[in-house]
C-alpha atoms as a PDB file:
ATOM      1  CA  UNK A   1      95.472  47.096 -34.782  1.00  0.00           C
ATOM      2  CA  UNK A   2      91.931  45.941 -34.296  1.00  0.00           C
ATOM      3  CA  UNK A   3      92.217  43.570 -31.333  1.00  0.00           C
ATOM      4  CA  UNK A   4      91.194  44.444 -27.796  1.00  0.00           C
ATOM      5  CA  UNK A   5      93.520  46.573 -25.719  1.00  0.00           C
ATOM      6  CA  UNK A   6      94.577  45.311 -22.301  1.00  0.00           C
ATOM      7  CA  UNK A   7      96.627  46.738 -19.464  1.00  0.00           C
ATOM      8  CA  UNK A   8      99.578  44.786 -18.148  1.00  0.00           C
ATOM      9  CA  UNK A   9      98.017  42.970 -15.159  1.00  0.00           C
ATOM     10  CA  UNK A  10     101.291  43.135 -13.187  1.00  0.00           C
ATOM     11  CA  UNK A  11     101.044  46.923 -12.821  1.00  0.00           C
ATOM     12  CA  UNK A  12      99.695  48.962  -9.938  1.00  0.00           C
ATOM     13  CA  UNK A  13      98.027  52.245 -10.872  1.00  0.00           C
ATOM     14  CA  UNK A  14      96.091  55.079  -9.320  1.00  0.00           C
ATOM     15  CA  UNK A  15      94.596  58.369 -10.414  1.00  0.00           C
ATOM     16  CA  UNK A  16      96.212  61.342  -8.651  1.00  0.00           C
ATOM     17  CA  UNK A  17      94.879  64.839  -9.380  1.00  0.00           C
ATOM     18  CA  UNK A  18      93.422  63.708 -12.715  1.00  0.00           C
ATOM     19  CA  UNK A  19      96.617  61.993 -13.915  1.00  0.00           C
ATOM     20  CA  UNK A  20      97.317  58.282 -13.924  1.00  0.00           C
ATOM     21  CA  UNK A  21     100.372  57.160 -12.007  1.00  0.00           C
ATOM     22  CA  UNK A  22     101.470  53.650 -12.962  1.00  0.00           C
ATOM     23  CA  UNK A  23     103.995  51.613 -11.012  1.00  0.00           C
ATOM     24  CA  UNK A  24     105.767  48.590 -12.365  1.00  0.00           C
ATOM     25  CA  UNK A  25     106.648  46.559  -9.255  1.00  0.00           C
ATOM     26  CA  UNK A  26     109.087  44.324 -11.136  1.00  0.00           C
ATOM     27  CA  UNK A  27     111.522  47.178 -11.843  1.00  0.00           C
ATOM     28  CA  UNK A  28     110.145  49.933  -9.539  1.00  0.00           C
ATOM     29  CA  UNK A  29     109.482  52.208 -12.529  1.00  0.00           C
ATOM     30  CA  UNK A  30     106.921  54.999 -12.077  1.00  0.00           C
ATOM     31  CA  UNK A  31     105.076  56.410 -15.091  1.00  0.00           C
ATOM     32  CA  UNK A  32     102.856  59.499 -14.959  1.00  0.00           C
ATOM     33  CA  UNK A  33     100.434  59.996 -17.855  1.00  0.00           C
ATOM     34  CA  UNK A  34      99.121  63.313 -19.149  1.00  0.00           C
ATOM     35  CA  UNK A  35      95.391  64.094 -19.472  1.00  0.00           C
ATOM     36  CA  UNK A  36      94.806  62.381 -22.833  1.00  0.00           C
ATOM     37  CA  UNK A  37      96.977  59.376 -21.989  1.00  0.00           C
ATOM     38  CA  UNK A  38      95.163  59.070 -18.637  1.00  0.00           C
ATOM     39  CA  UNK A  39      91.779  59.113 -20.390  1.00  0.00           C
ATOM     40  CA  UNK A  40      93.066  56.465 -22.792  1.00  0.00           C
ATOM     41  CA  UNK A  41      94.348  54.353 -19.886  1.00  0.00           C
ATOM     42  CA  UNK A  42      91.021  54.532 -18.027  1.00  0.00           C
ATOM     43  CA  UNK A  43      88.848  53.639 -21.009  1.00  0.00           C
ATOM     44  CA  UNK A  44      91.037  51.378 -23.177  1.00  0.00           C
ATOM     45  CA  UNK A  45      90.677  48.096 -21.299  1.00  0.00           C
ATOM     46  CA  UNK A  46      88.657  45.662 -23.416  1.00  0.00           C
ATOM     47  CA  UNK A  47      88.077  48.191 -26.196  1.00  0.00           C
ATOM     48  CA  UNK A  48      89.434  48.331 -29.725  1.00  0.00           C
ATOM     49  CA  UNK A  49      91.413  51.214 -31.140  1.00  0.00           C
ATOM     50  CA  UNK A  50      88.445  52.070 -33.382  1.00  0.00           C
ATOM     51  CA  UNK A  51      86.170  52.443 -30.353  1.00  0.00           C
ATOM     52  CA  UNK A  52      88.662  54.707 -28.617  1.00  0.00           C
ATOM     53  CA  UNK A  53      89.197  56.830 -31.731  1.00  0.00           C
ATOM     54  CA  UNK A  54      85.445  57.502 -31.793  1.00  0.00           C
ATOM     55  CA  UNK A  55      85.387  58.483 -28.127  1.00  0.00           C
ATOM     56  CA  UNK A  56      88.450  60.744 -28.223  1.00  0.00           C
ATOM     57  CA  UNK A  57      87.459  62.445 -31.488  1.00  0.00           C
ATOM     58  CA  UNK A  58      83.989  63.208 -30.093  1.00  0.00           C
ATOM     59  CA  UNK A  59      85.115  64.259 -26.616  1.00  0.00           C
ATOM     60  CA  UNK A  60      87.935  66.531 -27.811  1.00  0.00           C
ATOM     61  CA  UNK A  61      86.360  67.550 -31.135  1.00  0.00           C
ATOM     62  CA  UNK A  62      89.306  66.449 -33.270  1.00  0.00           C
ATOM     63  CA  UNK A  63      89.278  64.721 -36.639  1.00  0.00           C
ATOM     64  CA  UNK A  64      89.187  60.917 -36.475  1.00  0.00           C
ATOM     65  CA  UNK A  65      92.401  60.726 -38.524  1.00  0.00           C
ATOM     66  CA  UNK A  66      94.195  62.962 -36.015  1.00  0.00           C
ATOM     67  CA  UNK A  67      92.823  61.011 -33.055  1.00  0.00           C
ATOM     68  CA  UNK A  68      93.815  57.694 -34.680  1.00  0.00           C
ATOM     69  CA  UNK A  69      97.382  58.843 -35.396  1.00  0.00           C
ATOM     70  CA  UNK A  70      97.810  60.190 -31.856  1.00  0.00           C
ATOM     71  CA  UNK A  71      96.326  57.091 -30.214  1.00  0.00           C
ATOM     72  CA  UNK A  72      98.411  54.728 -32.351  1.00  0.00           C
ATOM     73  CA  UNK A  73     101.530  56.631 -31.277  1.00  0.00           C
ATOM     74  CA  UNK A  74     100.439  56.548 -27.627  1.00  0.00           C
ATOM     75  CA  UNK A  75      99.614  52.842 -27.764  1.00  0.00           C
ATOM     76  CA  UNK A  76     103.002  52.119 -29.347  1.00  0.00           C
ATOM     77  CA  UNK A  77     104.771  54.071 -26.573  1.00  0.00           C
ATOM     78  CA  UNK A  78     102.788  52.292 -23.841  1.00  0.00           C
ATOM     79  CA  UNK A  79     103.474  48.971 -25.563  1.00  0.00           C
ATOM     80  CA  UNK A  80     107.213  49.663 -25.679  1.00  0.00           C
ATOM     81  CA  UNK A  81     107.156  50.174 -21.922  1.00  0.00           C
ATOM     82  CA  UNK A  82     105.041  47.010 -21.578  1.00  0.00           C
ATOM     83  CA  UNK A  83     102.194  48.930 -19.924  1.00  0.00           C
ATOM     84  CA  UNK A  84      99.487  48.040 -22.491  1.00  0.00           C
ATOM     85  CA  UNK A  85      99.054  45.464 -25.213  1.00  0.00           C
ATOM     86  CA  UNK A  86      96.784  44.845 -28.179  1.00  0.00           C
ATOM     87  CA  UNK A  87      95.441  41.301 -28.160  1.00  0.00           C
ATOM     88  CA  UNK A  88      95.655  39.456 -31.474  1.00  0.00           C
ATOM     89  CA  UNK A  89      92.392  39.673 -33.374  1.00  0.00           C
ATOM     90  CA  UNK A  90      90.363  36.495 -33.033  1.00  0.00           C
ATOM     91  CA  UNK A  91      89.496  34.830 -36.306  1.00  0.00           C
ATOM     92  CA  UNK A  92      86.544  32.643 -36.906  1.00  0.00           C
END
């Protein structure tokens, strides 16, 4: 997972009391993210997982391995709900 992370452009989202609230207009689903997931959401666009691991591990003083495992799990969950995607890595 080393490509750039992007948000689903069809979503509407807003920060409410420090938490991200994401609305999928196609199916009227509402998703509320916790503090870490909200931080990830705000800073993930156009970044790689490696860049985000560095930021989260420094900001929350956790081991890189722990941050990577948690962020991979979060990205997988957001991907399952079609909220975020990892772009294929460009070769060349």
